[in-house]
C-alpha atoms as a PDB file:
ATOM      1  CA  MET A   1       0.188   0.005  -0.348  1.00  0.00           C
ATOM      2  CA  SER A   2       0.981   3.557  -1.141  1.00  0.00           C
ATOM      3  CA  VAL A   3       1.957   6.239   1.674  1.00  0.00           C
ATOM      4  CA  GLY A   4      -0.969   7.735   0.283  1.00  0.00           C
ATOM      5  CA  LEU A   5      -3.396   5.421   0.233  1.00  0.00           C
ATOM      6  CA  TYR A   6      -2.073   4.122   3.790  1.00  0.00           C
ATOM      7  CA  TRP A   7      -2.758   7.855   5.006  1.00  0.00           C
ATOM      8  CA  ASP A   8      -6.013   7.984   3.546  1.00  0.00           C
ATOM      9  CA  HIS A   9      -7.414   4.631   5.069  1.00  0.00           C
ATOM     10  CA  TYR A  10      -5.731   5.695   8.507  1.00  0.00           C
ATOM     11  CA  LYS A  11      -7.695   9.185   7.970  1.00  0.00           C
ATOM     12  CA  LYS A  12     -11.101   7.645   7.471  1.00  0.00           C
ATOM     13  CA  LYS A  13     -10.443   4.936  10.364  1.00  0.00           C
ATOM     14  CA  SER A  14      -9.551   8.153  12.985  1.00  0.00           C
ATOM     15  CA  GLU A  15     -12.481   9.335  11.276  1.00  0.00           C
ATOM     16  CA  SER A  16     -14.818   6.614  11.940  1.00  0.00           C
ATOM     17  CA  GLU A  17     -13.515   6.223  15.436  1.00  0.00           C
ATOM     18  CA  ASN A  18     -14.282   9.758  16.199  1.00  0.00           C
ATOM     19  CA  ASP A  19     -17.782   9.282  15.050  1.00  0.00           C
ATOM     20  CA  ASN A  20     -18.320   6.561  17.171  1.00  0.00           C
ATOM     21  CA  ARG A  21     -16.891   8.487  20.405  1.00  0.00           C
ATOM     22  CA  GLU A  22     -19.202  11.063  19.820  1.00  0.00           C
ATOM     23  CA  LEU A  23     -21.948   9.123  19.995  1.00  0.00           C
ATOM     24  CA  LEU A  24     -21.023   8.658  23.661  1.00  0.00           C
ATOM     25  CA  LEU A  25     -21.598  12.604  24.043  1.00  0.00           C
ATOM     26  CA  LEU A  26     -24.479  13.203  26.365  1.00  0.00           C
ATOM     27  CA  THR A  27     -27.053  15.419  26.997  1.00  0.00           C
ATOM     28  CA  LYS A  28     -27.882  16.856  30.723  1.00  0.00           C
ATOM     29  CA  ASP A  29     -30.848  14.759  31.179  1.00  0.00           C
ATOM     30  CA  ASP A  30     -29.006  11.737  29.375  1.00  0.00           C
ATOM     31  CA  PHE A  31     -26.515  12.228  32.124  1.00  0.00           C
ATOM     32  CA  LEU A  32     -28.716  11.944  34.967  1.00  0.00           C
ATOM     33  CA  LYS A  33     -30.545   9.262  33.123  1.00  0.00           C
ATOM     34  CA  LYS A  34     -27.255   6.999  32.549  1.00  0.00           C
ATOM     35  CA  GLN A  35     -26.409   7.263  36.055  1.00  0.00           C
ATOM     36  CA  GLN A  36     -29.550   6.211  37.282  1.00  0.00           C
ATOM     37  CA  THR A  37     -29.606   3.209  34.829  1.00  0.00           C
ATOM     38  CA  LEU A  38     -26.030   2.220  36.406  1.00  0.00           C
ATOM     39  CA  GLU A  39     -27.351   3.052  40.272  1.00  0.00           C
ATOM     40  CA  LEU A  40     -24.697   5.768  40.556  1.00  0.00           C
ATOM     41  CA  ASP A  41     -26.299   7.440  43.675  1.00  0.00           C
ATOM     42  CA  PHE A  42     -23.271   9.281  45.164  1.00  0.00           C
ATOM     43  CA  VAL A  43     -25.175  10.568  48.288  1.00  0.00           C
ATOM     44  CA  LYS A  44     -27.224   7.019  49.108  1.00  0.00           C
ATOM     45  CA  ASP A  45     -23.593   4.677  48.921  1.00  0.00           C
ATOM     46  CA  THR A  46     -22.252   7.085  50.992  1.00  0.00           C
ATOM     47  CA  GLU A  47     -22.211   5.628  55.122  1.00  0.00           C
ATOM     48  CA  SER A  48     -25.323   7.477  56.630  1.00  0.00           C
ATOM     49  CA  THR A  49     -22.973   9.246  59.192  1.00  0.00           C
ATOM     50  CA  PHE A  50     -21.203  11.468  56.435  1.00  0.00           C
ATOM     51  CA  ARG A  51     -24.394  10.807  54.190  1.00  0.00           C
ATOM     52  CA  ASN A  52     -25.016  14.909  54.675  1.00  0.00           C
ATOM     53  CA  ARG A  53     -21.116  15.566  53.429  1.00  0.00           C
ATOM     54  CA  ALA A  54     -21.466  13.525  50.519  1.00  0.00           C
ATOM     55  CA  GLN A  55     -24.745  15.955  49.771  1.00  0.00           C
ATOM     56  CA  GLU A  56     -22.934  18.799  50.226  1.00  0.00           C
ATOM     57  CA  LEU A  57     -20.438  17.546  47.934  1.00  0.00           C
ATOM     58  CA  GLU A  58     -23.105  17.027  45.248  1.00  0.00           C
ATOM     59  CA  ASP A  59     -24.886  20.182  45.867  1.00  0.00           C
ATOM     60  CA  ALA A  60     -21.462  21.619  45.026  1.00  0.00           C
ATOM     61  CA  TYR A  61     -20.817  19.607  42.165  1.00  0.00           C
ATOM     62  CA  THR A  62     -22.912  21.585  39.203  1.00  0.00           C
ATOM     63  CA  LEU A  63     -24.578  19.474  36.702  1.00  0.00           C
ATOM     64  CA  ASP A  64     -23.057  21.788  34.020  1.00  0.00           C
ATOM     65  CA  TYR A  65     -19.303  21.265  35.526  1.00  0.00           C
ATOM     66  CA  GLN A  66     -20.039  17.171  35.834  1.00  0.00           C
ATOM     67  CA  LEU A  67     -21.735  17.097  32.273  1.00  0.00           C
ATOM     68  CA  HIS A  68     -18.363  19.237  30.752  1.00  0.00           C
ATOM     69  CA  ILE A  69     -16.053  16.652  32.287  1.00  0.00           C
ATOM     70  CA  TYR A  70     -17.803  13.617  31.375  1.00  0.00           C
ATOM     71  CA  ASN A  71     -17.606  15.227  27.616  1.00  0.00           C
ATOM     72  CA  ARG A  72     -14.042  15.743  27.792  1.00  0.00           C
ATOM     73  CA  MET A  73     -13.136  12.249  28.879  1.00  0.00           C
ATOM     74  CA  VAL A  74     -15.127  11.184  25.792  1.00  0.00           C
ATOM     75  CA  LYS A  75     -13.338  13.034  23.337  1.00  0.00           C
ATOM     76  CA  GLU A  76      -9.553  12.880  25.428  1.00  0.00           C
ATOM     77  CA  THR A  77     -10.075   9.068  26.525  1.00  0.00           C
ATOM     78  CA  GLU A  78     -10.946   5.966  25.123  1.00  0.00           C
ATOM     79  CA  TYR A  79     -12.916   4.608  28.133  1.00  0.00           C
ATOM     80  CA  SER A  80     -16.683   3.415  27.530  1.00  0.00           C
ATOM     81  CA  GLN A  81     -19.682   5.517  28.439  1.00  0.00           C
ATOM     82  CA  GLU A  82     -20.039   3.515  31.592  1.00  0.00           C
ATOM     83  CA  THR A  83     -16.364   3.417  32.766  1.00  0.00           C
ATOM     84  CA  ILE A  84     -16.009   7.009  32.568  1.00  0.00           C
ATOM     85  CA  LEU A  85     -19.246   7.530  35.067  1.00  0.00           C
ATOM     86  CA  GLU A  86     -17.738   4.880  37.486  1.00  0.00           C
ATOM     87  CA  LEU A  87     -14.596   6.647  37.414  1.00  0.00           C
ATOM     88  CA  MET A  88     -16.486   9.974  38.193  1.00  0.00           C
ATOM     89  CA  PHE A  89     -18.378   8.385  40.726  1.00  0.00           C
ATOM     90  CA  GLU A  90     -15.088   7.046  42.257  1.00  0.00           C
ATOM     91  CA  GLN A  91     -13.442  10.290  41.977  1.00  0.00           C
ATOM     92  CA  LYS A  92     -16.371  12.124  43.705  1.00  0.00           C
ATOM     93  CA  ARG A  93     -15.285   9.546  47.034  1.00  0.00           C
ATOM     94  CA  PHE A  94     -11.634  10.423  46.832  1.00  0.00           C
ATOM     95  CA  LEU A  95     -13.041  14.220  46.967  1.00  0.00           C
ATOM     96  CA  LEU A  96     -14.992  13.736  50.010  1.00  0.00           C
ATOM     97  CA  MET A  97     -12.032  11.725  51.602  1.00  0.00           C
ATOM     98  CA  ALA A  98     -10.088  14.813  50.921  1.00  0.00           C
ATOM     99  CA  SER A  99     -12.153  16.991  52.497  1.00  0.00           C
ATOM    100  CA  ILE A 100     -11.766  15.020  55.791  1.00  0.00           C
ATOM    101  CA  LEU A 101      -8.237  13.549  55.735  1.00  0.00           C
ATOM    102  CA  LYS A 102      -5.005  15.601  55.843  1.00  0.00           C
ATOM    103  CA  LYS A 103      -3.364  12.760  53.617  1.00  0.00           C
ATOM    104  CA  VAL A 104      -5.682  11.143  50.765  1.00  0.00           C
ATOM    105  CA  PRO A 105      -2.829   9.465  48.585  1.00  0.00           C
ATOM    106  CA  MET A 106      -4.265   8.844  44.689  1.00  0.00           C
ATOM    107  CA  PHE A 107      -3.787   5.322  43.922  1.00  0.00           C
ATOM    108  CA  SER A 108      -5.339   5.375  40.215  1.00  0.00           C
ATOM    109  CA  LYS A 109      -4.066   6.701  37.355  1.00  0.00           C
ATOM    110  CA  ALA A 110      -7.802   6.131  36.080  1.00  0.00           C
ATOM    111  CA  ILE A 111      -9.257   7.976  38.935  1.00  0.00           C
ATOM    112  CA  ASP A 112      -6.187  10.772  38.638  1.00  0.00           C
ATOM    113  CA  GLU A 113      -7.611  11.145  34.901  1.00  0.00           C
ATOM    114  CA  VAL A 114     -10.892  12.455  35.762  1.00  0.00           C
ATOM    115  CA  TRP A 115      -8.849  14.861  38.270  1.00  0.00           C
ATOM    116  CA  HIS A 116      -6.916  15.984  35.387  1.00  0.00           C
ATOM    117  CA  GLN A 117      -9.854  16.923  33.477  1.00  0.00           C
ATOM    118  CA  GLN A 118     -11.805  18.370  36.558  1.00  0.00           C
ATOM    119  CA  LEU A 119      -8.842  21.050  36.784  1.00  0.00           C
ATOM    120  CA  MET A 120      -8.996  21.983  33.047  1.00  0.00           C
ATOM    121  CA  PHE A 121     -12.032  23.850  34.200  1.00  0.00           C
ATOM    122  CA  THR A 122     -10.082  26.225  36.435  1.00  0.00           C
ATOM    123  CA  ASN A 123     -13.039  28.460  37.598  1.00  0.00           C
ATOM    124  CA  ASP A 124     -15.172  25.663  38.180  1.00  0.00           C
ATOM    125  CA  TYR A 125     -12.868  23.769  39.991  1.00  0.00           C
ATOM    126  CA  GLN A 126     -12.039  26.557  42.533  1.00  0.00           C
ATOM    127  CA  ASN A 127     -15.873  27.460  42.899  1.00  0.00           C
ATOM    128  CA  PHE A 128     -16.932  23.696  43.510  1.00  0.00           C
ATOM    129  CA  THR A 129     -13.939  23.224  46.147  1.00  0.00           C
ATOM    130  CA  GLN A 130     -14.065  26.233  48.039  1.00  0.00           C
ATOM    131  CA  LYS A 131     -18.000  25.699  48.568  1.00  0.00           C
ATOM    132  CA  PHE A 132     -17.326  21.947  49.365  1.00  0.00           C
ATOM    133  CA  ALA A 133     -13.991  22.003  51.095  1.00  0.00           C
ATOM    134  CA  GLY A 134     -13.938  25.564  52.028  1.00  0.00           C
ATOM    135  CA  GLN A 135     -10.778  26.045  50.001  1.00  0.00           C
ATOM    136  CA  PHE A 136      -8.568  25.230  47.054  1.00  0.00           C
ATOM    137  CA  ILE A 137      -7.790  21.297  47.054  1.00  0.00           C
ATOM    138  CA  HIS A 138      -4.226  21.177  45.268  1.00  0.00           C
ATOM    139  CA  HIS A 139      -3.282  18.708  42.818  1.00  0.00           C
ATOM    140  CA  ALA A 140       0.455  18.346  44.118  1.00  0.00           C
ATOM    141  CA  PRO A 141       2.886  15.682  42.030  1.00  0.00           C
ATOM    142  CA  ASN A 142       4.695  13.892  43.994  1.00  0.00           C
ATOM    143  CA  MET A 143       8.026  13.706  42.282  1.00  0.00           C
ATOM    144  CA  ASP A 144       9.545  10.289  43.794  1.00  0.00           C
ATOM    145  CA  GLY A 145       6.303   8.423  43.375  1.00  0.00           C
ATOM    146  CA  ARG A 146       6.719   6.646  46.567  1.00  0.00           C
ATOM    147  CA  ASP A 147       3.913   6.307  49.237  1.00  0.00           C
ATOM    148  CA  GLY A 148       4.343   5.455  53.195  1.00  0.00           C
ATOM    149  CA  ALA A 149       4.049   1.841  54.357  1.00  0.00           C
ATOM    150  CA  ASP A 150       0.740   1.888  55.665  1.00  0.00           C
ATOM    151  CA  ASP A 151      -0.974   4.330  53.318  1.00  0.00           C
ATOM    152  CA  LYS A 152      -2.454   2.032  51.330  1.00  0.00           C
ATOM    153  CA  PHE A 153      -4.083   0.061  54.016  1.00  0.00           C
ATOM    154  CA  LEU A 154      -5.182   3.388  56.062  1.00  0.00           C
ATOM    155  CA  PHE A 155      -6.722   4.250  52.407  1.00  0.00           C
ATOM    156  CA  ASP A 156      -8.570   1.546  52.033  1.00  0.00           C
ATOM    157  CA  MET A 157      -9.833   1.426  55.882  1.00  0.00           C
ATOM    158  CA  MET A 158     -11.374   4.563  55.253  1.00  0.00           C
ATOM    159  CA  TYR A 159     -12.787   3.970  52.073  1.00  0.00           C
ATOM    160  CA  LYS A 160     -14.646   1.011  53.404  1.00  0.00           C
ATOM    161  CA  LYS A 161     -15.825   2.773  56.696  1.00  0.00           C
ATOM    162  CA  LEU A 162     -17.149   5.755  54.499  1.00  0.00           C
ATOM    163  CA  PHE A 163     -18.440   3.976  51.439  1.00  0.00           C
ATOM    164  CA  ILE A 164     -20.466   1.080  50.368  1.00  0.00           C
ATOM    165  CA  GLU A 165     -18.007  -0.422  48.121  1.00  0.00           C
ATOM    166  CA  LYS A 166     -19.711  -1.085  44.215  1.00  0.00           C
ATOM    167  CA  LEU A 167     -18.682  -4.069  41.860  1.00  0.00           C
ATOM    168  CA  PHE A 168     -16.470  -1.945  40.085  1.00  0.00           C
ATOM    169  CA  SER A 169     -14.778  -0.052  42.670  1.00  0.00           C
ATOM    170  CA  ALA A 170     -11.896  -2.032  43.208  1.00  0.00           C
ATOM    171  CA  LYS A 171     -11.186  -2.137  39.172  1.00  0.00           C
ATOM    172  CA  SER A 172     -11.548   1.180  39.125  1.00  0.00           C
ATOM    173  CA  TRP A 173      -8.750   1.700  41.823  1.00  0.00           C
ATOM    174  CA  GLY A 174      -6.777  -0.566  40.496  1.00  0.00           C
ATOM    175  CA  SER A 175      -6.599  -3.461  43.137  1.00  0.00           C
ATOM    176  CA  PRO A 176      -8.636  -5.358  45.872  1.00  0.00           C
ATOM    177  CA  PHE A 177      -9.329  -3.196  49.113  1.00  0.00           C
ATOM    178  CA  TYR A 178      -7.098  -4.293  51.955  1.00  0.00           C
ATOM    179  CA  GLU A 179      -4.677  -6.173  49.761  1.00  0.00           C
ATOM    180  CA  THR A 180      -1.718  -4.367  51.298  1.00  0.00           C
ATOM    181  CA  VAL A 181      -1.164  -5.717  54.889  1.00  0.00           C
ATOM    182  CA  PRO A 182      -0.854  -3.276  57.705  1.00  0.00           C
ATOM    183  CA  SER A 183       1.897  -2.849  60.088  1.00  0.00           C
ATOM    184  CA  ASP A 184       2.742  -3.731  63.703  1.00  0.00           C
ATOM    185  CA  SER A 185       2.942  -0.216  64.446  1.00  0.00           C
ATOM    186  CA  PHE A 186      -0.057   1.537  62.398  1.00  0.00           C
ATOM    187  CA  ILE A 187      -2.506  -1.299  64.562  1.00  0.00           C
ATOM    188  CA  ALA A 188      -0.623  -0.676  68.178  1.00  0.00           C
ATOM    189  CA  GLU A 189      -1.110   2.887  66.994  1.00  0.00           C
ATOM    190  CA  TRP A 190      -5.083   2.873  66.725  1.00  0.00           C
ATOM    191  CA  SER A 191      -5.279   0.503  69.031  1.00  0.00           C
ATOM    192  CA  ASP A 192      -3.431   2.072  71.867  1.00  0.00           C
ATOM    193  CA  SER A 193      -3.881   6.368  70.756  1.00  0.00           C
ATOM    194  CA  GLY A 194      -6.618   7.777  72.228  1.00  0.00           C
ATOM    195  CA  ILE A 195      -9.461   9.542  69.868  1.00  0.00           C
ATOM    196  CA  PRO A 196      -7.860  13.350  70.426  1.00  0.00           C
ATOM    197  CA  GLN A 197      -4.570  12.146  69.057  1.00  0.00           C
ATOM    198  CA  LEU A 198      -5.701  10.356  66.036  1.00  0.00           C
ATOM    199  CA  GLN A 199      -8.498  13.238  65.042  1.00  0.00           C
ATOM    200  CA  SER A 200      -5.548  15.500  65.343  1.00  0.00           C
ATOM    201  CA  ARG A 201      -3.138  13.417  63.549  1.00  0.00           C
ATOM    202  CA  TYR A 202      -5.267  12.209  60.700  1.00  0.00           C
ATOM    203  CA  PHE A 203      -8.715  14.606  60.198  1.00  0.00           C
ATOM    204  CA  PHE A 204      -9.304  17.798  60.040  1.00  0.00           C
ATOM    205  CA  ASP A 205     -10.326  19.979  62.503  1.00  0.00           C
ATOM    206  CA  LYS A 206     -13.792  20.910  61.113  1.00  0.00           C
ATOM    207  CA  SER A 207     -16.675  21.647  63.605  1.00  0.00           C
ATOM    208  CA  GLU A 208     -19.115  20.192  60.805  1.00  0.00           C
ATOM    209  CA  ILE A 209     -17.498  16.705  60.841  1.00  0.00           C
ATOM    210  CA  HIS A 210     -15.921  16.492  64.146  1.00  0.00           C
ATOM    211  CA  CYS A 211     -18.650  14.240  65.820  1.00  0.00           C
ATOM    212  CA  SER A 212     -18.618  11.989  62.950  1.00  0.00           C
ATOM    213  CA  VAL A 213     -14.958  11.910  63.098  1.00  0.00           C
ATOM    214  CA  GLN A 214     -14.813  10.800  66.426  1.00  0.00           C
ATOM    215  CA  GLY A 215     -17.647   8.065  65.748  1.00  0.00           C
ATOM    216  CA  LEU A 216     -14.884   6.829  62.798  1.00  0.00           C
ATOM    217  CA  ILE A 217     -12.171   6.567  64.998  1.00  0.00           C
ATOM    218  CA  ARG A 218     -14.141   4.889  67.604  1.00  0.00           C
ATOM    219  CA  ASP A 219     -15.768   2.734  65.473  1.00  0.00           C
ATOM    220  CA  ILE A 220     -12.302   1.513  63.924  1.00  0.00           C
ATOM    221  CA  LYS A 221     -10.845   1.318  67.301  1.00  0.00           C
ATOM    222  CA  ASN A 222     -13.721  -1.015  68.779  1.00  0.00           C
ATOM    223  CA  ASP A 223     -12.946  -3.443  65.474  1.00  0.00           C
ATOM    224  CA  ILE A 224      -9.353  -3.694  66.861  1.00  0.00           C
ATOM    225  CA  GLU A 225     -10.932  -4.609  70.068  1.00  0.00           C
ATOM    226  CA  SER A 226     -13.033  -7.075  68.430  1.00  0.00           C
ATOM    227  CA  ALA A 227     -10.213  -8.642  66.668  1.00  0.00           C
ATOM    228  CA  GLU A 228      -8.505  -9.349  69.511  1.00  0.00           C
ATOM    229  CA  ASN A 229     -11.111 -11.052  71.690  1.00  0.00           C
ATOM    230  CA  LYS A 230      -9.929 -14.430  71.258  1.00  0.00           C
ATOM    231  CA  GLY A 231     -13.180 -16.173  72.517  1.00  0.00           C
ATOM    232  CA  GLU A 232     -15.918 -13.924  70.599  1.00  0.00           C
ATOM    233  CA  PHE A 233     -13.686 -14.053  67.332  1.00  0.00           C
ATOM    234  CA  GLY A 234     -12.564 -17.343  67.723  1.00  0.00           C
ATOM    235  CA  ARG A 235     -15.935 -18.429  67.400  1.00  0.00           C
ATOM    236  CA  PHE A 236     -16.628 -16.634  64.550  1.00  0.00           C
ATOM    237  CA  LEU A 237     -14.127 -17.790  62.620  1.00  0.00           C
ATOM    238  CA  GLU A 238     -14.900 -21.658  63.363  1.00  0.00           C
ATOM    239  CA  GLN A 239     -18.220 -20.837  61.342  1.00  0.00           C
ATOM    240  CA  GLN A 240     -16.207 -19.605  58.201  1.00  0.00           C
ATOM    241  CA  SER A 241     -13.674 -21.249  55.663  1.00  0.00           C
ATOM    242  CA  ARG A 242     -10.902 -19.573  53.650  1.00  0.00           C
ATOM    243  CA  ILE A 243     -12.147 -17.516  50.947  1.00  0.00           C
ATOM    244  CA  VAL A 244     -10.713 -18.897  47.566  1.00  0.00           C
ATOM    245  CA  LYS A 245      -8.882 -17.637  45.302  1.00  0.00           C
ATOM    246  CA  GLY A 246     -10.540 -15.480  42.481  1.00  0.00           C
ATOM    247  CA  SER A 247     -13.809 -14.700  44.695  1.00  0.00           C
ATOM    248  CA  TYR A 248     -12.605 -10.669  44.844  1.00  0.00           C
ATOM    249  CA  PRO A 249     -14.976  -8.810  44.505  1.00  0.00           C
ATOM    250  CA  ALA A 250     -18.165 -11.164  44.429  1.00  0.00           C
ATOM    251  CA  LEU A 251     -20.978  -9.858  47.151  1.00  0.00           C
ATOM    252  CA  GLY A 252     -21.131 -12.085  49.806  1.00  0.00           C
ATOM    253  CA  THR A 253     -17.500 -12.901  49.884  1.00  0.00           C
ATOM    254  CA  SER A 254     -14.362 -10.736  50.640  1.00  0.00           C
ATOM    255  CA  ASN A 255     -16.254  -8.024  48.970  1.00  0.00           C
ATOM    256  CA  GLU A 256     -18.041  -8.223  52.548  1.00  0.00           C
ATOM    257  CA  LEU A 257     -14.684  -8.853  54.696  1.00  0.00           C
ATOM    258  CA  THR A 258     -15.201  -6.860  57.810  1.00  0.00           C
ATOM    259  CA  LEU A 259     -12.287  -4.955  59.459  1.00  0.00           C
ATOM    260  CA  PRO A 260     -12.017  -6.777  62.495  1.00  0.00           C
ATOM    261  CA  TYR A 261     -11.283  -9.953  60.302  1.00  0.00           C
ATOM    262  CA  VAL A 262      -8.769  -8.479  58.426  1.00  0.00           C
ATOM    263  CA  LEU A 263      -6.737  -7.251  61.302  1.00  0.00           C
ATOM    264  CA  TRP A 264      -6.508 -10.902  62.609  1.00  0.00           C
ATOM    265  CA  ALA A 265      -5.609 -11.908  59.073  1.00  0.00           C
ATOM    266  CA  ALA A 266      -2.897  -9.276  59.600  1.00  0.00           C
ATOM    267  CA  VAL A 267      -1.290 -11.552  62.588  1.00  0.00           C
ATOM    268  CA  ASP A 268      -2.553 -14.594  61.929  1.00  0.00           C
ATOM    269  CA  THR A 269       0.732 -16.972  61.947  1.00  0.00           C
ATOM    270  CA  ASN A 270      -1.214 -19.823  60.277  1.00  0.00           C
ATOM    271  CA  ALA A 271      -1.673 -18.590  56.742  1.00  0.00           C
ATOM    272  CA  THR A 272      -0.555 -15.779  54.657  1.00  0.00           C
ATOM    273  CA  TYR A 273      -2.442 -12.408  54.900  1.00  0.00           C
ATOM    274  CA  SER A 274      -3.442 -12.964  51.165  1.00  0.00           C
ATOM    275  CA  GLU A 275      -4.691 -16.246  51.985  1.00  0.00           C
ATOM    276  CA  SER A 276      -6.672 -15.311  54.811  1.00  0.00           C
ATOM    277  CA  LEU A 277      -8.346 -12.596  52.474  1.00  0.00           C
ATOM    278  CA  GLY A 278      -9.043 -15.100  49.502  1.00  0.00           C
ATOM    279  CA  LEU A 279      -6.241 -12.856  47.467  1.00  0.00           C
ATOM    280  CA  ALA A 280      -3.943 -16.213  46.999  1.00  0.00           C
ATOM    281  CA  LYS A 281      -4.570 -19.843  47.409  1.00  0.00           C
ATOM    282  CA  THR A 282      -5.117 -21.283  50.711  1.00  0.00           C
ATOM    283  CA  HIS A 283      -2.910 -24.017  52.114  1.00  0.00           C
ATOM    284  CA  ARG A 284      -5.552 -24.824  55.019  1.00  0.00           C
ATOM    285  CA  THR A 285      -9.477 -24.435  55.690  1.00  0.00           C
ATOM    286  CA  ILE A 286     -11.004 -23.723  58.719  1.00  0.00           C
ATOM    287  CA  LYS A 287     -14.072 -25.434  58.120  1.00  0.00           C
ATOM    288  CA  SER A 288     -16.545 -25.810  54.632  1.00  0.00           C
ATOM    289  CA  ASP A 289     -20.222 -25.570  54.578  1.00  0.00           C
ATOM    290  CA  SER A 290     -22.405 -28.354  54.387  1.00  0.00           C
ATOM    291  CA  ASP A 291     -21.903 -27.918  50.709  1.00  0.00           C
ATOM    292  CA  GLY A 292     -18.361 -28.332  50.650  1.00  0.00           C
ATOM    293  CA  GLY A 293     -18.013 -24.965  49.065  1.00  0.00           C
ATOM    294  CA  ASN A 294     -16.955 -21.710  50.550  1.00  0.00           C
ATOM    295  CA  SER A 295     -18.573 -19.743  53.390  1.00  0.00           C
ATOM    296  CA  GLY A 296     -19.214 -16.191  52.811  1.00  0.00           C
ATOM    297  CA  PHE A 297     -17.713 -13.468  55.236  1.00  0.00           C
ATOM    298  CA  PHE A 298     -20.850 -11.680  55.956  1.00  0.00           C
ATOM    299  CA  GLY A 299     -19.565 -11.374  59.873  1.00  0.00           C
ATOM    300  CA  THR A 300     -22.898 -11.616  61.984  1.00  0.00           C
ATOM    301  CA  VAL A 301     -21.130 -11.398  65.149  1.00  0.00           C
ATOM    302  CA  LEU A 302     -18.931  -8.848  64.097  1.00  0.00           C
ATOM    303  CA  ASP A 303     -21.355  -6.290  62.116  1.00  0.00           C
ATOM    304  CA  LYS A 304     -22.066  -3.024  64.053  1.00  0.00           C
ATOM    305  CA  PRO A 305     -25.283  -0.556  63.377  1.00  0.00           C
ATOM    306  CA  LYS A 306     -25.124   1.622  61.328  1.00  0.00           C
ATOM    307  CA  GLY A 307     -25.574   4.798  64.210  1.00  0.00           C
ATOM    308  CA  SER A 308     -26.535   8.310  63.812  1.00  0.00           C
ATOM    309  CA  LYS A 309     -24.001  10.961  64.565  1.00  0.00           C
ATOM    310  CA  GLU A 310     -25.409  11.180  68.141  1.00  0.00           C
ATOM    311  CA  ALA A 311     -25.087   8.088  68.752  1.00  0.00           C
ATOM    312  CA  TRP A 312     -21.378   8.030  67.410  1.00  0.00           C
ATOM    313  CA  CYS A 313     -20.295  11.006  69.977  1.00  0.00           C
ATOM    314  CA  GLY A 314     -21.630   9.502  72.507  1.00  0.00           C
ATOM    315  CA  SER A 315     -21.508  10.891  75.959  1.00  0.00           C
ATOM    316  CA  ASP A 316     -18.016  10.421  76.898  1.00  0.00           C
ATOM    317  CA  THR A 317     -16.703  13.729  76.972  1.00  0.00           C
ATOM    318  CA  SER A 318     -13.123  13.076  77.570  1.00  0.00           C
ATOM    319  CA  ASP A 319     -13.124  12.294  73.530  1.00  0.00           C
ATOM    320  CA  SER A 320     -14.115  15.175  72.274  1.00  0.00           C
ATOM    321  CA  ASP A 321     -11.603  17.271  72.674  1.00  0.00           C
ATOM    322  CA  GLY A 322      -9.273  17.035  69.429  1.00  0.00           C
ATOM    323  CA  SER A 323      -7.209  19.477  67.699  1.00  0.00           C
ATOM    324  CA  GLY A 324      -5.878  20.025  63.856  1.00  0.00           C
ATOM    325  CA  ASP A 325      -5.318  21.870  60.802  1.00  0.00           C
ATOM    326  CA  SER A 326      -8.667  23.661  59.010  1.00  0.00           C
ATOM    327  CA  GLY A 327      -9.210  23.091  55.547  1.00  0.00           C
ATOM    328  CA  GLY A 328      -9.202  20.437  53.010  1.00  0.00           C
ATOM    329  CA  GLY A 329      -6.198  19.021  50.885  1.00  0.00           C
ATOM    330  CA  SER A 330      -5.065  15.791  49.490  1.00  0.00           C
ATOM    331  CA  SER A 331      -2.318  13.988  47.909  1.00  0.00           C
ATOM    332  CA  CYS A 332      -1.500  11.674  45.093  1.00  0.00           C
ATOM    333  CA  GLY A 333       0.602   8.697  45.781  1.00  0.00           C
ATOM    334  CA  SER A 334       2.477   7.092  43.081  1.00  0.00           C
ATOM    335  CA  SER A 335       1.734  10.268  40.649  1.00  0.00           C
ATOM    336  CA  CYS A 336       1.288  12.783  42.999  1.00  0.00           C
ATOM    337  CA  GLY A 337       1.664  13.999  46.659  1.00  0.00           C
ATOM    338  CA  SER A 338       0.897  15.835  49.684  1.00  0.00           C
ATOM    339  CA  SER A 339      -0.676  19.070  49.141  1.00  0.00           C
ATOM    340  CA  GLY A 340       0.679  21.028  51.876  1.00  0.00           C
END
């Protein structure tokens, strides 16, 4: 094929692909309908104690702005329509975390691409973050591409506490949640430190989330205590079997892992951490169900009721005092770093 014929063929092919991509562009009504069809309800799929915060983000994130980002993603990327909407959904979750936590690494290049496109509309982005977070949420490159040893586990722990995981969530983030094992010092810190100390170190000091953050920390500390309760937790384990390799993220299996089980797996000496979580083949089984298959880890013994903010805060005034920096911020691990 001559150069001229090859170029004509390439040009027609590119035009055809561009025409196909144009079919993915949406109007406002279609954008909303597509989200409903995919059951992408950001507020509803946020845990109840932070649902008001999720609504504040949604209110600040105008429909026009979201549609501009979606249509730009159609033009600038090769992602499918569904994938773009899923990535935008997960990026909202990232920004919610960034408004609560002092450091939130970005572990997904795909979701980071949404953030980059969002930043292209500079005025809209500034107005959005100022209205929602109270200040500009910066996107700062991490020059060495390294994150702290426990950064990913901390991210996963907070994500699973704040949000209801969707079937596409792990894929969007590039790896299963709780894939990395927490260090002994990390577990010890969350077990032994007081609520004010943990609040000051990890969270922003904002009055509107003060009570919810205290409840979140208390919930995590209770999970650690449950994992260390040899009697109660041992009885729970006897009723379960190891999760088979490849089960993630099927509902009713590792998608439903409770934090106490994950923390127990981190210090279990009879099997590797990845085996316990179903991320690798196991060499022993605790107990098979009556059909010879594997039981799901719904953890009825350990599941805690989703309490209100008032119930989470409780009456223990000794935990009500905490300090920290005000404002919102984020970091972008592997590609970005602390926002400063």
